[in-house]
N, C-alpha and C. Protein backbone atom coordinates (compact mmCIF):
# COMPACT_ATOMS: atom_id res chain seq x y z
N MET A 1 12.99 28.67 10.55
CA MET A 1 14.23 28.80 11.32
C MET A 1 15.23 27.76 10.81
N LYS A 2 16.49 28.22 10.61
CA LYS A 2 17.52 27.34 10.09
C LYS A 2 17.93 26.32 11.14
N ARG A 3 18.05 25.07 10.71
CA ARG A 3 18.42 24.02 11.64
C ARG A 3 19.93 23.89 11.77
N SER A 4 20.36 23.54 12.98
CA SER A 4 21.79 23.33 13.22
C SER A 4 22.20 21.97 12.66
N MET A 5 23.51 21.79 12.52
CA MET A 5 24.03 20.51 12.04
C MET A 5 23.65 19.38 13.00
N LYS A 6 23.66 19.68 14.30
CA LYS A 6 23.30 18.67 15.30
C LYS A 6 21.85 18.20 15.10
N GLU A 7 20.94 19.16 14.88
CA GLU A 7 19.53 18.79 14.69
C GLU A 7 19.35 17.98 13.42
N TRP A 8 20.02 18.39 12.34
CA TRP A 8 19.91 17.64 11.09
C TRP A 8 20.43 16.22 11.26
N THR A 9 21.54 16.08 12.00
CA THR A 9 22.11 14.75 12.22
C THR A 9 21.14 13.86 12.98
N ILE A 10 20.52 14.41 14.03
CA ILE A 10 19.55 13.65 14.82
C ILE A 10 18.37 13.24 13.95
N ARG A 11 17.87 14.17 13.14
CA ARG A 11 16.72 13.87 12.29
C ARG A 11 17.05 12.81 11.23
N ILE A 12 18.26 12.85 10.68
CA ILE A 12 18.67 11.84 9.70
C ILE A 12 18.78 10.47 10.35
N VAL A 13 19.33 10.43 11.58
CA VAL A 13 19.43 9.16 12.31
C VAL A 13 18.04 8.59 12.57
N ILE A 14 17.11 9.46 13.00
CA ILE A 14 15.73 9.03 13.24
C ILE A 14 15.11 8.50 11.95
N LEU A 15 15.35 9.21 10.84
CA LEU A 15 14.83 8.78 9.54
C LEU A 15 15.35 7.38 9.19
N MET A 16 16.65 7.14 9.40
CA MET A 16 17.22 5.84 9.05
C MET A 16 16.66 4.73 9.93
N ILE A 17 16.39 5.04 11.20
CA ILE A 17 15.76 4.06 12.09
C ILE A 17 14.36 3.72 11.56
N GLY A 18 13.60 4.76 11.20
CA GLY A 18 12.26 4.54 10.65
C GLY A 18 12.30 3.78 9.34
N LEU A 19 13.27 4.10 8.49
CA LEU A 19 13.40 3.43 7.20
C LEU A 19 13.71 1.95 7.39
N THR A 20 14.56 1.64 8.38
CA THR A 20 14.90 0.25 8.67
C THR A 20 13.68 -0.51 9.18
N ILE A 21 12.92 0.11 10.09
CA ILE A 21 11.70 -0.53 10.63
C ILE A 21 10.69 -0.76 9.50
N ALA A 22 10.49 0.28 8.67
CA ALA A 22 9.52 0.17 7.57
C ALA A 22 9.88 -0.96 6.62
N HIS A 23 11.16 -1.11 6.31
CA HIS A 23 11.56 -2.13 5.35
C HIS A 23 11.63 -3.52 5.99
N LEU A 24 11.70 -3.60 7.31
CA LEU A 24 11.48 -4.88 7.97
C LEU A 24 10.04 -5.32 7.71
N GLY A 25 9.11 -4.38 7.82
CA GLY A 25 7.71 -4.67 7.51
C GLY A 25 7.51 -5.09 6.07
N VAL A 26 8.16 -4.38 5.16
CA VAL A 26 8.05 -4.72 3.73
C VAL A 26 8.59 -6.12 3.47
N THR A 27 9.70 -6.47 4.15
CA THR A 27 10.30 -7.79 3.96
C THR A 27 9.37 -8.90 4.44
N LEU A 28 8.75 -8.71 5.62
CA LEU A 28 7.78 -9.70 6.11
C LEU A 28 6.63 -9.84 5.12
N PHE A 29 6.19 -8.71 4.61
CA PHE A 29 5.11 -8.65 3.63
C PHE A 29 5.48 -9.48 2.39
N LEU A 30 6.68 -9.27 1.88
CA LEU A 30 7.12 -9.95 0.66
C LEU A 30 7.36 -11.44 0.88
N LEU A 31 7.90 -11.81 2.06
CA LEU A 31 8.20 -13.21 2.35
C LEU A 31 6.93 -14.04 2.51
N ALA A 32 5.82 -13.37 2.84
CA ALA A 32 4.54 -14.09 2.93
C ALA A 32 4.05 -14.53 1.56
N GLU A 33 4.60 -13.90 0.50
CA GLU A 33 4.28 -14.24 -0.89
C GLU A 33 2.78 -14.21 -1.17
N LEU A 34 2.14 -13.13 -0.76
CA LEU A 34 0.71 -12.96 -1.03
C LEU A 34 0.46 -11.69 -1.84
N GLY A 35 1.49 -11.27 -2.55
CA GLY A 35 1.38 -10.07 -3.37
C GLY A 35 2.40 -9.04 -2.95
N SER A 36 2.68 -8.09 -3.83
CA SER A 36 3.63 -7.02 -3.53
C SER A 36 2.86 -5.79 -3.06
N ASP A 37 3.58 -4.83 -2.46
CA ASP A 37 2.92 -3.60 -2.03
C ASP A 37 2.48 -2.80 -3.26
N PRO A 38 1.47 -1.92 -3.11
CA PRO A 38 0.88 -1.24 -4.28
C PRO A 38 1.87 -0.52 -5.18
N PHE A 39 2.84 0.18 -4.59
CA PHE A 39 3.80 0.93 -5.40
C PHE A 39 4.62 -0.02 -6.26
N ASN A 40 5.06 -1.15 -5.68
CA ASN A 40 5.88 -2.09 -6.44
C ASN A 40 5.08 -2.88 -7.46
N VAL A 41 3.77 -3.00 -7.28
CA VAL A 41 2.92 -3.59 -8.32
C VAL A 41 2.96 -2.68 -9.56
N MET A 42 2.89 -1.36 -9.32
CA MET A 42 2.97 -0.41 -10.43
C MET A 42 4.34 -0.48 -11.10
N ILE A 43 5.41 -0.54 -10.29
CA ILE A 43 6.77 -0.63 -10.84
C ILE A 43 6.91 -1.90 -11.68
N GLN A 44 6.37 -3.01 -11.15
CA GLN A 44 6.42 -4.28 -11.87
C GLN A 44 5.72 -4.18 -13.22
N GLY A 45 4.56 -3.49 -13.22
CA GLY A 45 3.83 -3.30 -14.47
C GLY A 45 4.63 -2.48 -15.47
N PHE A 46 5.25 -1.38 -15.01
CA PHE A 46 6.08 -0.56 -15.89
C PHE A 46 7.25 -1.39 -16.43
N PHE A 47 7.88 -2.15 -15.55
CA PHE A 47 9.04 -2.96 -15.92
C PHE A 47 8.69 -3.96 -17.03
N ARG A 48 7.57 -4.66 -16.83
CA ARG A 48 7.15 -5.66 -17.83
C ARG A 48 6.78 -5.00 -19.16
N SER A 49 6.07 -3.88 -19.07
CA SER A 49 5.66 -3.18 -20.30
C SER A 49 6.87 -2.67 -21.07
N LEU A 50 7.84 -2.09 -20.36
CA LEU A 50 9.04 -1.56 -21.01
C LEU A 50 9.86 -2.67 -21.64
N GLN A 51 9.97 -3.81 -20.92
CA GLN A 51 10.74 -4.93 -21.47
C GLN A 51 10.09 -5.48 -22.74
N GLN A 52 8.78 -5.61 -22.71
CA GLN A 52 8.07 -6.14 -23.88
C GLN A 52 8.15 -5.18 -25.06
N ALA A 53 8.08 -3.89 -24.79
CA ALA A 53 8.07 -2.90 -25.86
C ALA A 53 9.46 -2.66 -26.44
N SER A 54 10.49 -2.75 -25.60
CA SER A 54 11.84 -2.39 -26.04
C SER A 54 12.79 -3.56 -26.16
N GLY A 55 12.60 -4.57 -25.29
CA GLY A 55 13.53 -5.69 -25.29
C GLY A 55 14.87 -5.36 -24.66
N TRP A 56 14.98 -4.23 -23.99
CA TRP A 56 16.24 -3.82 -23.38
C TRP A 56 16.60 -4.76 -22.23
N GLN A 57 17.72 -5.42 -22.35
CA GLN A 57 18.14 -6.40 -21.35
C GLN A 57 18.67 -5.75 -20.07
N PHE A 58 19.14 -4.50 -20.17
CA PHE A 58 19.72 -3.85 -18.99
C PHE A 58 18.64 -3.43 -17.98
N LEU A 59 17.37 -3.44 -18.40
CA LEU A 59 16.30 -3.05 -17.49
C LEU A 59 16.09 -4.13 -16.44
N THR A 60 15.97 -3.70 -15.19
CA THR A 60 15.62 -4.59 -14.09
C THR A 60 14.53 -3.90 -13.27
N HIS A 61 13.86 -4.68 -12.44
CA HIS A 61 12.83 -4.09 -11.57
C HIS A 61 13.44 -2.98 -10.71
N GLY A 62 14.63 -3.26 -10.15
CA GLY A 62 15.28 -2.28 -9.28
C GLY A 62 15.62 -0.98 -10.00
N ARG A 63 16.10 -1.09 -11.23
CA ARG A 63 16.47 0.10 -12.00
C ARG A 63 15.24 0.92 -12.38
N VAL A 64 14.16 0.21 -12.73
CA VAL A 64 12.91 0.92 -13.05
C VAL A 64 12.37 1.60 -11.79
N HIS A 65 12.50 0.92 -10.64
CA HIS A 65 12.06 1.48 -9.36
C HIS A 65 12.77 2.80 -9.09
N ILE A 66 14.09 2.81 -9.21
CA ILE A 66 14.87 4.03 -8.97
C ILE A 66 14.50 5.11 -9.98
N ALA A 67 14.30 4.71 -11.24
CA ALA A 67 13.95 5.68 -12.29
C ALA A 67 12.60 6.35 -12.00
N VAL A 68 11.61 5.56 -11.57
CA VAL A 68 10.28 6.12 -11.26
C VAL A 68 10.38 7.04 -10.04
N CYS A 69 11.14 6.60 -9.01
CA CYS A 69 11.33 7.45 -7.82
C CYS A 69 11.99 8.77 -8.20
N PHE A 70 12.99 8.68 -9.08
CA PHE A 70 13.70 9.88 -9.54
C PHE A 70 12.75 10.81 -10.30
N LEU A 71 11.87 10.23 -11.12
CA LEU A 71 10.89 11.02 -11.86
C LEU A 71 9.93 11.73 -10.91
N ILE A 72 9.48 11.01 -9.87
CA ILE A 72 8.59 11.62 -8.87
C ILE A 72 9.29 12.81 -8.19
N ILE A 73 10.56 12.62 -7.86
CA ILE A 73 11.32 13.70 -7.23
C ILE A 73 11.42 14.91 -8.16
N LEU A 74 11.69 14.67 -9.44
CA LEU A 74 11.78 15.77 -10.41
C LEU A 74 10.46 16.53 -10.51
N ILE A 75 9.35 15.79 -10.56
CA ILE A 75 8.03 16.43 -10.65
C ILE A 75 7.76 17.28 -9.41
N LEU A 76 8.09 16.72 -8.24
CA LEU A 76 7.85 17.46 -6.99
C LEU A 76 8.75 18.68 -6.86
N LEU A 77 9.92 18.65 -7.48
CA LEU A 77 10.79 19.82 -7.47
C LEU A 77 10.12 21.01 -8.14
N PHE A 78 9.31 20.73 -9.17
CA PHE A 78 8.59 21.80 -9.87
C PHE A 78 7.33 22.21 -9.10
N ILE A 79 6.73 21.27 -8.36
CA ILE A 79 5.51 21.59 -7.60
C ILE A 79 5.86 22.36 -6.33
N ASP A 80 6.75 21.82 -5.53
CA ASP A 80 7.18 22.47 -4.29
C ASP A 80 8.46 21.81 -3.82
N ARG A 81 9.60 22.46 -4.05
CA ARG A 81 10.89 21.86 -3.74
C ARG A 81 11.13 21.66 -2.25
N SER A 82 10.30 22.30 -1.40
CA SER A 82 10.50 22.16 0.05
C SER A 82 10.24 20.74 0.53
N TYR A 83 9.53 19.94 -0.25
CA TYR A 83 9.25 18.55 0.14
C TYR A 83 10.46 17.65 -0.07
N ILE A 84 11.38 18.06 -0.94
CA ILE A 84 12.54 17.23 -1.26
C ILE A 84 13.70 17.59 -0.35
N LYS A 85 14.13 16.61 0.45
CA LYS A 85 15.24 16.84 1.39
C LYS A 85 16.25 15.71 1.25
N ALA A 86 17.33 15.82 2.03
CA ALA A 86 18.40 14.81 1.94
C ALA A 86 17.86 13.41 2.20
N GLY A 87 16.93 13.31 3.15
CA GLY A 87 16.37 12.00 3.49
C GLY A 87 15.61 11.36 2.35
N THR A 88 15.06 12.16 1.45
CA THR A 88 14.34 11.62 0.29
C THR A 88 15.28 10.81 -0.58
N ILE A 89 16.47 11.33 -0.79
CA ILE A 89 17.48 10.63 -1.58
C ILE A 89 17.95 9.37 -0.85
N LEU A 90 18.13 9.48 0.48
CA LEU A 90 18.54 8.32 1.27
C LEU A 90 17.50 7.20 1.18
N CYS A 91 16.22 7.59 1.26
CA CYS A 91 15.14 6.60 1.16
C CYS A 91 15.20 5.87 -0.18
N MET A 92 15.45 6.62 -1.24
CA MET A 92 15.48 6.05 -2.58
C MET A 92 16.65 5.08 -2.74
N ILE A 93 17.80 5.43 -2.15
CA ILE A 93 19.02 4.64 -2.33
C ILE A 93 19.09 3.45 -1.37
N CYS A 94 18.64 3.64 -0.13
CA CYS A 94 18.89 2.65 0.93
C CYS A 94 17.81 1.58 1.07
N GLY A 95 16.61 1.84 0.56
CA GLY A 95 15.50 0.90 0.75
C GLY A 95 15.80 -0.50 0.24
N GLY A 96 16.30 -0.60 -0.98
CA GLY A 96 16.60 -1.91 -1.58
C GLY A 96 17.60 -2.73 -0.79
N PRO A 97 18.77 -2.16 -0.46
CA PRO A 97 19.75 -2.91 0.34
C PRO A 97 19.23 -3.36 1.70
N ILE A 98 18.38 -2.54 2.35
CA ILE A 98 17.82 -2.93 3.65
C ILE A 98 16.90 -4.14 3.48
N ILE A 99 16.08 -4.14 2.43
CA ILE A 99 15.20 -5.29 2.16
C ILE A 99 16.04 -6.53 1.87
N ASP A 100 17.12 -6.38 1.10
CA ASP A 100 17.99 -7.52 0.80
C ASP A 100 18.58 -8.11 2.09
N PHE A 101 18.98 -7.24 3.02
CA PHE A 101 19.56 -7.69 4.29
C PHE A 101 18.54 -8.49 5.10
N PHE A 102 17.33 -7.93 5.27
CA PHE A 102 16.30 -8.62 6.05
C PHE A 102 15.82 -9.90 5.35
N SER A 103 15.83 -9.89 4.02
CA SER A 103 15.41 -11.09 3.28
C SER A 103 16.33 -12.26 3.58
N ARG A 104 17.64 -11.99 3.58
CA ARG A 104 18.63 -13.05 3.89
C ARG A 104 18.48 -13.49 5.35
N LEU A 105 18.23 -12.53 6.23
CA LEU A 105 18.14 -12.82 7.67
C LEU A 105 16.91 -13.66 8.00
N LEU A 106 15.78 -13.35 7.36
CA LEU A 106 14.50 -13.99 7.69
C LEU A 106 14.15 -15.17 6.79
N LYS A 107 14.90 -15.37 5.73
CA LYS A 107 14.59 -16.44 4.78
C LYS A 107 14.50 -17.82 5.44
N PRO A 108 15.36 -18.15 6.42
CA PRO A 108 15.27 -19.47 7.08
C PRO A 108 13.93 -19.73 7.77
N LEU A 109 13.15 -18.68 8.04
CA LEU A 109 11.84 -18.87 8.67
C LEU A 109 10.85 -19.54 7.72
N ARG A 110 11.11 -19.47 6.42
CA ARG A 110 10.27 -20.09 5.39
C ARG A 110 8.79 -19.72 5.59
N ILE A 111 8.56 -18.43 5.66
CA ILE A 111 7.20 -17.92 5.90
C ILE A 111 6.24 -18.38 4.81
N GLN A 112 6.73 -18.46 3.59
CA GLN A 112 5.86 -18.82 2.46
C GLN A 112 5.35 -20.25 2.56
N ASP A 113 5.98 -21.09 3.40
CA ASP A 113 5.55 -22.48 3.55
C ASP A 113 4.56 -22.68 4.70
N GLN A 114 4.27 -21.61 5.43
CA GLN A 114 3.34 -21.72 6.56
C GLN A 114 1.89 -21.82 6.06
N ALA A 115 0.99 -22.21 6.95
CA ALA A 115 -0.44 -22.27 6.61
C ALA A 115 -0.93 -20.86 6.27
N MET A 116 -1.97 -20.79 5.43
CA MET A 116 -2.47 -19.50 4.96
C MET A 116 -2.82 -18.52 6.09
N PRO A 117 -3.51 -18.96 7.15
CA PRO A 117 -3.81 -18.00 8.24
C PRO A 117 -2.55 -17.40 8.87
N VAL A 118 -1.49 -18.21 8.96
CA VAL A 118 -0.22 -17.72 9.53
C VAL A 118 0.41 -16.70 8.58
N ARG A 119 0.38 -17.01 7.29
CA ARG A 119 0.95 -16.09 6.29
C ARG A 119 0.21 -14.76 6.28
N ILE A 120 -1.11 -14.82 6.38
CA ILE A 120 -1.90 -13.57 6.40
C ILE A 120 -1.60 -12.78 7.67
N ALA A 121 -1.46 -13.49 8.81
CA ALA A 121 -1.14 -12.82 10.07
C ALA A 121 0.22 -12.13 9.98
N ILE A 122 1.21 -12.80 9.37
CA ILE A 122 2.54 -12.21 9.21
C ILE A 122 2.48 -11.03 8.25
N LEU A 123 1.67 -11.17 7.20
CA LEU A 123 1.50 -10.07 6.25
C LEU A 123 0.90 -8.84 6.94
N VAL A 124 -0.14 -9.05 7.76
CA VAL A 124 -0.76 -7.93 8.48
C VAL A 124 0.25 -7.31 9.45
N LEU A 125 1.02 -8.16 10.14
CA LEU A 125 2.07 -7.65 11.03
C LEU A 125 3.06 -6.81 10.24
N GLY A 126 3.44 -7.29 9.04
CA GLY A 126 4.36 -6.54 8.19
C GLY A 126 3.79 -5.19 7.81
N CYS A 127 2.48 -5.14 7.50
CA CYS A 127 1.83 -3.87 7.15
C CYS A 127 1.86 -2.89 8.31
N VAL A 128 1.61 -3.40 9.53
CA VAL A 128 1.62 -2.53 10.72
C VAL A 128 3.02 -1.99 10.98
N ILE A 129 4.03 -2.88 10.87
CA ILE A 129 5.42 -2.45 11.07
C ILE A 129 5.81 -1.44 9.99
N LEU A 130 5.40 -1.71 8.75
CA LEU A 130 5.65 -0.77 7.65
C LEU A 130 5.05 0.59 7.95
N ALA A 131 3.79 0.62 8.39
CA ALA A 131 3.11 1.89 8.68
C ALA A 131 3.81 2.63 9.81
N TYR A 132 4.22 1.89 10.84
CA TYR A 132 4.89 2.53 11.98
C TYR A 132 6.22 3.14 11.55
N GLY A 133 7.04 2.36 10.82
CA GLY A 133 8.32 2.87 10.37
C GLY A 133 8.16 4.06 9.42
N MET A 134 7.16 3.97 8.55
CA MET A 134 6.90 5.04 7.59
C MET A 134 6.57 6.35 8.31
N THR A 135 5.80 6.27 9.40
CA THR A 135 5.44 7.49 10.12
C THR A 135 6.64 8.09 10.84
N ILE A 136 7.58 7.25 11.27
CA ILE A 136 8.82 7.77 11.86
C ILE A 136 9.59 8.55 10.80
N VAL A 137 9.68 7.97 9.59
CA VAL A 137 10.37 8.65 8.49
C VAL A 137 9.71 10.00 8.19
N ILE A 138 8.38 10.00 8.08
CA ILE A 138 7.65 11.22 7.76
C ILE A 138 7.86 12.28 8.84
N LYS A 139 7.72 11.89 10.11
CA LYS A 139 7.81 12.85 11.21
C LYS A 139 9.24 13.22 11.59
N SER A 140 10.22 12.51 11.03
CA SER A 140 11.61 12.95 11.24
C SER A 140 11.84 14.30 10.59
N ASP A 141 11.02 14.60 9.59
CA ASP A 141 11.09 15.86 8.84
C ASP A 141 12.48 16.08 8.24
N ALA A 142 13.09 14.96 7.80
CA ALA A 142 14.39 15.04 7.14
C ALA A 142 14.29 14.57 5.70
N GLY A 143 13.07 14.26 5.28
CA GLY A 143 12.84 13.73 3.94
C GLY A 143 12.00 12.48 4.01
N THR A 144 11.33 12.14 2.92
CA THR A 144 10.43 10.99 2.90
C THR A 144 10.60 10.24 1.58
N GLY A 145 10.31 8.94 1.60
CA GLY A 145 10.37 8.15 0.37
C GLY A 145 9.52 8.77 -0.72
N PRO A 146 10.00 8.76 -1.97
CA PRO A 146 9.27 9.40 -3.07
C PRO A 146 7.82 8.95 -3.22
N ASN A 147 7.55 7.64 -3.03
CA ASN A 147 6.17 7.16 -3.18
C ASN A 147 5.28 7.67 -2.06
N ASP A 148 5.82 7.78 -0.84
CA ASP A 148 5.05 8.34 0.28
C ASP A 148 4.80 9.83 0.09
N LEU A 149 5.76 10.51 -0.56
CA LEU A 149 5.62 11.95 -0.78
C LEU A 149 4.40 12.29 -1.64
N VAL A 150 4.05 11.39 -2.55
CA VAL A 150 2.88 11.64 -3.40
C VAL A 150 1.64 11.85 -2.52
N ALA A 151 1.44 10.93 -1.55
CA ALA A 151 0.28 11.04 -0.66
C ALA A 151 0.40 12.25 0.26
N ILE A 152 1.62 12.56 0.71
CA ILE A 152 1.83 13.70 1.61
C ILE A 152 1.49 15.01 0.91
N VAL A 153 2.01 15.18 -0.31
CA VAL A 153 1.77 16.42 -1.06
C VAL A 153 0.28 16.61 -1.33
N ILE A 154 -0.39 15.53 -1.77
CA ILE A 154 -1.82 15.63 -2.07
C ILE A 154 -2.62 15.96 -0.80
N SER A 155 -2.32 15.27 0.31
CA SER A 155 -3.07 15.52 1.55
C SER A 155 -2.83 16.94 2.07
N ASP A 156 -1.60 17.43 1.93
CA ASP A 156 -1.29 18.80 2.37
C ASP A 156 -2.04 19.84 1.53
N ARG A 157 -2.04 19.64 0.22
CA ARG A 157 -2.63 20.64 -0.67
C ARG A 157 -4.16 20.61 -0.67
N LEU A 158 -4.73 19.44 -0.46
CA LEU A 158 -6.19 19.33 -0.43
C LEU A 158 -6.75 19.40 0.99
N HIS A 159 -5.84 19.48 1.97
CA HIS A 159 -6.24 19.54 3.39
C HIS A 159 -7.14 18.35 3.75
N ARG A 160 -6.68 17.18 3.33
CA ARG A 160 -7.38 15.94 3.64
C ARG A 160 -6.48 15.05 4.50
N LYS A 161 -7.09 14.15 5.26
CA LYS A 161 -6.32 13.26 6.11
C LYS A 161 -5.38 12.39 5.29
N PHE A 162 -4.15 12.26 5.79
CA PHE A 162 -3.15 11.45 5.11
C PHE A 162 -3.64 10.02 4.93
N SER A 163 -4.28 9.45 5.96
CA SER A 163 -4.72 8.06 5.92
C SER A 163 -5.69 7.80 4.76
N VAL A 164 -6.59 8.77 4.50
CA VAL A 164 -7.56 8.62 3.41
C VAL A 164 -6.87 8.76 2.05
N VAL A 165 -6.02 9.78 1.94
CA VAL A 165 -5.31 10.02 0.68
C VAL A 165 -4.40 8.85 0.34
N ARG A 166 -3.78 8.27 1.36
CA ARG A 166 -2.88 7.14 1.14
C ARG A 166 -3.63 5.96 0.52
N ILE A 167 -4.83 5.69 0.98
CA ILE A 167 -5.63 4.61 0.40
C ILE A 167 -5.90 4.90 -1.08
N ILE A 168 -6.31 6.13 -1.39
CA ILE A 168 -6.63 6.50 -2.76
C ILE A 168 -5.40 6.36 -3.66
N VAL A 169 -4.25 6.83 -3.17
CA VAL A 169 -3.00 6.76 -3.94
C VAL A 169 -2.61 5.30 -4.16
N ASP A 170 -2.70 4.46 -3.12
CA ASP A 170 -2.33 3.05 -3.25
C ASP A 170 -3.25 2.32 -4.24
N VAL A 171 -4.55 2.63 -4.19
CA VAL A 171 -5.49 2.02 -5.14
C VAL A 171 -5.13 2.44 -6.57
N CYS A 172 -4.73 3.69 -6.75
CA CYS A 172 -4.30 4.16 -8.08
C CYS A 172 -3.04 3.41 -8.54
N PHE A 173 -2.08 3.22 -7.61
CA PHE A 173 -0.87 2.47 -7.95
C PHE A 173 -1.22 1.06 -8.42
N VAL A 174 -2.11 0.38 -7.68
CA VAL A 174 -2.51 -0.99 -8.02
C VAL A 174 -3.20 -1.02 -9.38
N THR A 175 -4.09 -0.05 -9.62
CA THR A 175 -4.82 0.00 -10.89
C THR A 175 -3.87 0.18 -12.06
N ILE A 176 -2.92 1.12 -11.93
CA ILE A 176 -1.93 1.34 -12.99
C ILE A 176 -1.10 0.08 -13.20
N GLY A 177 -0.69 -0.55 -12.09
CA GLY A 177 0.09 -1.77 -12.18
C GLY A 177 -0.65 -2.88 -12.89
N TRP A 178 -1.93 -3.04 -12.56
CA TRP A 178 -2.76 -4.07 -13.19
C TRP A 178 -2.92 -3.81 -14.68
N LEU A 179 -3.13 -2.55 -15.07
CA LEU A 179 -3.31 -2.20 -16.47
C LEU A 179 -2.03 -2.39 -17.29
N THR A 180 -0.88 -2.30 -16.62
CA THR A 180 0.39 -2.41 -17.33
C THR A 180 1.04 -3.78 -17.17
N GLY A 181 0.34 -4.71 -16.52
CA GLY A 181 0.85 -6.08 -16.43
C GLY A 181 1.43 -6.48 -15.10
N GLY A 182 1.27 -5.66 -14.07
CA GLY A 182 1.77 -6.02 -12.75
C GLY A 182 0.93 -7.10 -12.10
N ILE A 183 1.54 -7.88 -11.23
CA ILE A 183 0.84 -8.97 -10.56
C ILE A 183 0.61 -8.60 -9.10
N PHE A 184 -0.61 -8.79 -8.63
CA PHE A 184 -0.88 -8.51 -7.22
C PHE A 184 -1.74 -9.63 -6.64
N GLY A 185 -1.75 -9.69 -5.31
CA GLY A 185 -2.53 -10.72 -4.63
C GLY A 185 -3.32 -10.14 -3.49
N ILE A 186 -3.81 -11.01 -2.63
CA ILE A 186 -4.63 -10.55 -1.50
C ILE A 186 -3.83 -9.61 -0.59
N GLY A 187 -2.52 -9.85 -0.51
CA GLY A 187 -1.67 -8.99 0.32
C GLY A 187 -1.63 -7.56 -0.17
N THR A 188 -1.68 -7.39 -1.48
CA THR A 188 -1.67 -6.04 -2.06
C THR A 188 -2.92 -5.28 -1.64
N ILE A 189 -4.06 -5.95 -1.68
CA ILE A 189 -5.32 -5.31 -1.30
C ILE A 189 -5.33 -4.98 0.19
N ILE A 190 -4.85 -5.93 1.01
CA ILE A 190 -4.77 -5.68 2.46
C ILE A 190 -3.89 -4.47 2.73
N CYS A 191 -2.75 -4.43 2.06
CA CYS A 191 -1.80 -3.32 2.25
C CYS A 191 -2.42 -1.99 1.84
N ALA A 192 -3.10 -1.98 0.69
CA ALA A 192 -3.69 -0.74 0.17
C ALA A 192 -4.70 -0.13 1.13
N PHE A 193 -5.44 -0.97 1.85
CA PHE A 193 -6.50 -0.46 2.72
C PHE A 193 -6.12 -0.45 4.21
N LEU A 194 -4.94 -0.98 4.55
CA LEU A 194 -4.54 -1.06 5.96
C LEU A 194 -3.46 -0.07 6.35
N VAL A 195 -2.45 0.11 5.49
CA VAL A 195 -1.29 0.93 5.85
C VAL A 195 -1.68 2.37 6.13
N GLY A 196 -2.51 2.97 5.27
CA GLY A 196 -2.90 4.37 5.47
C GLY A 196 -3.59 4.61 6.81
N PRO A 197 -4.65 3.88 7.14
CA PRO A 197 -5.33 4.07 8.43
C PRO A 197 -4.43 3.82 9.64
N VAL A 198 -3.57 2.78 9.57
CA VAL A 198 -2.66 2.51 10.69
C VAL A 198 -1.65 3.64 10.83
N ALA A 199 -1.15 4.14 9.70
CA ALA A 199 -0.23 5.28 9.74
C ALA A 199 -0.91 6.51 10.35
N GLY A 200 -2.18 6.69 10.06
CA GLY A 200 -2.92 7.82 10.63
C GLY A 200 -2.98 7.76 12.16
N ILE A 201 -2.97 6.54 12.72
CA ILE A 201 -2.96 6.38 14.17
C ILE A 201 -1.59 6.73 14.75
N PHE A 202 -0.53 6.28 14.06
CA PHE A 202 0.83 6.46 14.57
C PHE A 202 1.39 7.87 14.36
N LEU A 203 0.92 8.59 13.35
CA LEU A 203 1.52 9.89 13.00
C LEU A 203 1.59 10.87 14.18
N PRO A 204 0.47 11.17 14.87
CA PRO A 204 0.56 12.12 15.98
C PRO A 204 1.41 11.61 17.14
N LEU A 205 1.38 10.31 17.38
CA LEU A 205 2.18 9.73 18.47
C LEU A 205 3.67 9.90 18.19
N ASN A 206 4.09 9.56 16.97
CA ASN A 206 5.51 9.66 16.62
C ASN A 206 5.97 11.10 16.51
N GLU A 207 5.09 12.00 16.11
CA GLU A 207 5.45 13.42 16.05
C GLU A 207 5.84 13.92 17.44
N HIS A 208 5.05 13.56 18.45
CA HIS A 208 5.32 13.98 19.82
C HIS A 208 6.65 13.41 20.31
N ILE A 209 6.87 12.11 20.07
CA ILE A 209 8.09 11.45 20.54
C ILE A 209 9.32 12.03 19.86
N ILE A 210 9.26 12.19 18.53
CA ILE A 210 10.42 12.66 17.76
C ILE A 210 10.79 14.09 18.13
N GLU A 211 9.80 14.97 18.26
CA GLU A 211 10.10 16.35 18.63
C GLU A 211 10.67 16.42 20.03
N SER A 212 10.27 15.53 20.92
CA SER A 212 10.81 15.48 22.27
C SER A 212 12.30 15.08 22.23
N VAL A 213 12.62 14.12 21.36
CA VAL A 213 14.01 13.67 21.23
C VAL A 213 14.88 14.75 20.61
N VAL A 214 14.37 15.39 19.55
CA VAL A 214 15.16 16.39 18.81
C VAL A 214 15.45 17.62 19.67
N HIS A 215 14.47 18.05 20.47
CA HIS A 215 14.60 19.32 21.20
C HIS A 215 14.85 19.16 22.69
N ARG A 216 15.27 17.96 23.10
CA ARG A 216 15.53 17.75 24.53
C ARG A 216 16.76 18.51 24.98
């Protein structure tokens, strides 16, 4: 059934709220300085490998990130274009600026200078917030971040739980990143095995809430 402009607007607003929450989690995760999330470990590995092989000065982590996301979108267009929506492009474009905003806002907390148990607790909190925001984005049904779409497409086609597939995909991202020169820490491992299961808990809850808001 074709959606009205009003419904699309509501879903995009919900997506942006989820995207903001998710990237607050990512920012807490990064400020703890215990490793990057699995997808960005892979991006870091690609970035380092490309710089060493080519010496191109115009390459940056952010540009490689957008390029990889764009490549994922292109591949999914050939697999099933129904997964690619306006929100997918918004996720690709807006994620970086949101992280920059929260980084400036939270930097005075000096999370990286806290005792290790505190940093790990903040990192875990960041993972939970990331998972919660990510499920809002997914259940908005207005589009999803390109890296999350990989797990969604695989889980849909294999009829497997998203939480399990997400772990497998994140472990693959970390492995590729490690092989190509990416750096990861204990936070990367925690994220790889925590975000998927936590998202699996939030997905049905957020689906009920979002559909209630959209169709009230």
